[in-house]
Amino acid sequence: MLLVNDLWDDLAEVQEEIPLTNEQRTLLDERYRAFLENPEEGEPWEVVQERIRKML
């Protein structure tokens, strides 16, 4: 959860530099709400990162 908060804070600081479509913003909001409803679902970044590295 701390990683998500850190990333969200970083993005909030530079949001003017990151153009998003309304569809992208809606999708991000939906995913964030889903995370807040069930923060234990999903995998830690380290696990996902390792899986991606193995695919390369």
C-alpha atoms as a PDB file:
ATOM      1  CA  MET A   1       0.000   0.000   0.000  1.00  0.00           C
ATOM      2  CA  LEU A   2       2.858   2.384   0.717  1.00  0.00           C
ATOM      3  CA  LEU A   3       4.213   1.932  -2.789  1.00  0.00           C
ATOM      4  CA  VAL A   4       0.843   2.805  -4.300  1.00  0.00           C
ATOM      5  CA  ASN A   5       0.601   5.892  -2.120  1.00  0.00           C
ATOM      6  CA  ASP A   6       4.125   6.974  -3.050  1.00  0.00           C
ATOM      7  CA  LEU A   7       3.431   6.497  -6.750  1.00  0.00           C
ATOM      8  CA  TRP A   8       0.115   8.314  -6.518  1.00  0.00           C
ATOM      9  CA  ASP A   9       1.781  11.233  -4.709  1.00  0.00           C
ATOM     10  CA  ASP A  10       4.530  11.404  -7.327  1.00  0.00           C
ATOM     11  CA  LEU A  11       1.989  11.451 -10.124  1.00  0.00           C
ATOM     12  CA  ALA A  12      -0.076  14.099  -8.395  1.00  0.00           C
ATOM     13  CA  GLU A  13       2.946  16.402  -8.300  1.00  0.00           C
ATOM     14  CA  VAL A  14       3.437  16.255 -12.081  1.00  0.00           C
ATOM     15  CA  GLN A  15      -0.088  15.621 -13.313  1.00  0.00           C
ATOM     16  CA  GLU A  16       0.047  18.592 -15.691  1.00  0.00           C
ATOM     17  CA  GLU A  17       2.946  16.895 -17.472  1.00  0.00           C
ATOM     18  CA  ILE A  18       1.057  13.627 -17.984  1.00  0.00           C
ATOM     19  CA  PRO A  19      -1.829  14.030 -20.406  1.00  0.00           C
ATOM     20  CA  LEU A  20      -4.634  11.527 -19.784  1.00  0.00           C
ATOM     21  CA  THR A  21      -7.731  10.917 -21.782  1.00  0.00           C
ATOM     22  CA  ASN A  22     -11.043  10.825 -19.942  1.00  0.00           C
ATOM     23  CA  GLU A  23     -11.144   7.072 -20.559  1.00  0.00           C
ATOM     24  CA  GLN A  24      -7.714   6.594 -18.999  1.00  0.00           C
ATOM     25  CA  ARG A  25      -8.641   8.724 -15.994  1.00  0.00           C
ATOM     26  CA  THR A  26     -11.863   6.744 -15.504  1.00  0.00           C
ATOM     27  CA  LEU A  27     -10.007   3.429 -15.708  1.00  0.00           C
ATOM     28  CA  LEU A  28      -7.381   4.576 -13.210  1.00  0.00           C
ATOM     29  CA  ASP A  29     -10.080   5.782 -10.819  1.00  0.00           C
ATOM     30  CA  GLU A  30     -11.917   2.453 -11.098  1.00  0.00           C
ATOM     31  CA  ARG A  31      -8.757   0.470 -10.448  1.00  0.00           C
ATOM     32  CA  TYR A  32      -7.827   2.653  -7.498  1.00  0.00           C
ATOM     33  CA  ARG A  33     -11.306   2.225  -5.965  1.00  0.00           C
ATOM     34  CA  ALA A  34     -11.031  -1.543  -6.484  1.00  0.00           C
ATOM     35  CA  PHE A  35      -7.674  -1.506  -4.708  1.00  0.00           C
ATOM     36  CA  LEU A  36      -9.107   0.463  -1.789  1.00  0.00           C
ATOM     37  CA  GLU A  37     -11.965  -2.020  -1.483  1.00  0.00           C
ATOM     38  CA  ASN A  38      -9.621  -5.024  -1.417  1.00  0.00           C
ATOM     39  CA  PRO A  39      -5.964  -4.026  -0.882  1.00  0.00           C
ATOM     40  CA  GLU A  40      -4.890  -7.629  -0.262  1.00  0.00           C
ATOM     41  CA  GLU A  41      -5.822  -8.687  -3.792  1.00  0.00           C
ATOM     42  CA  GLY A  42      -3.042  -8.633  -6.325  1.00  0.00           C
ATOM     43  CA  GLU A  43       0.684  -9.119  -6.011  1.00  0.00           C
ATOM     44  CA  PRO A  44       3.519  -7.036  -4.611  1.00  0.00           C
ATOM     45  CA  TRP A  45       5.523  -5.033  -7.140  1.00  0.00           C
ATOM     46  CA  GLU A  46       8.613  -7.148  -6.488  1.00  0.00           C
ATOM     47  CA  VAL A  47       6.769 -10.320  -7.551  1.00  0.00           C
ATOM     48  CA  VAL A  48       5.391  -8.694 -10.696  1.00  0.00           C
ATOM     49  CA  GLN A  49       8.767  -7.195 -11.542  1.00  0.00           C
ATOM     50  CA  GLU A  50      10.487 -10.572 -11.215  1.00  0.00           C
ATOM     51  CA  ARG A  51       7.881 -12.224 -13.453  1.00  0.00           C
ATOM     52  CA  ILE A  52       8.400  -9.539 -16.097  1.00  0.00           C
ATOM     53  CA  ARG A  53      12.181  -9.961 -15.935  1.00  0.00           C
ATOM     54  CA  LYS A  54      11.821 -13.696 -16.515  1.00  0.00           C
ATOM     55  CA  MET A  55       9.703 -13.023 -19.602  1.00  0.00           C
ATOM     56  CA  LEU A  56      12.384 -10.832 -21.205  1.00  0.00           C
END
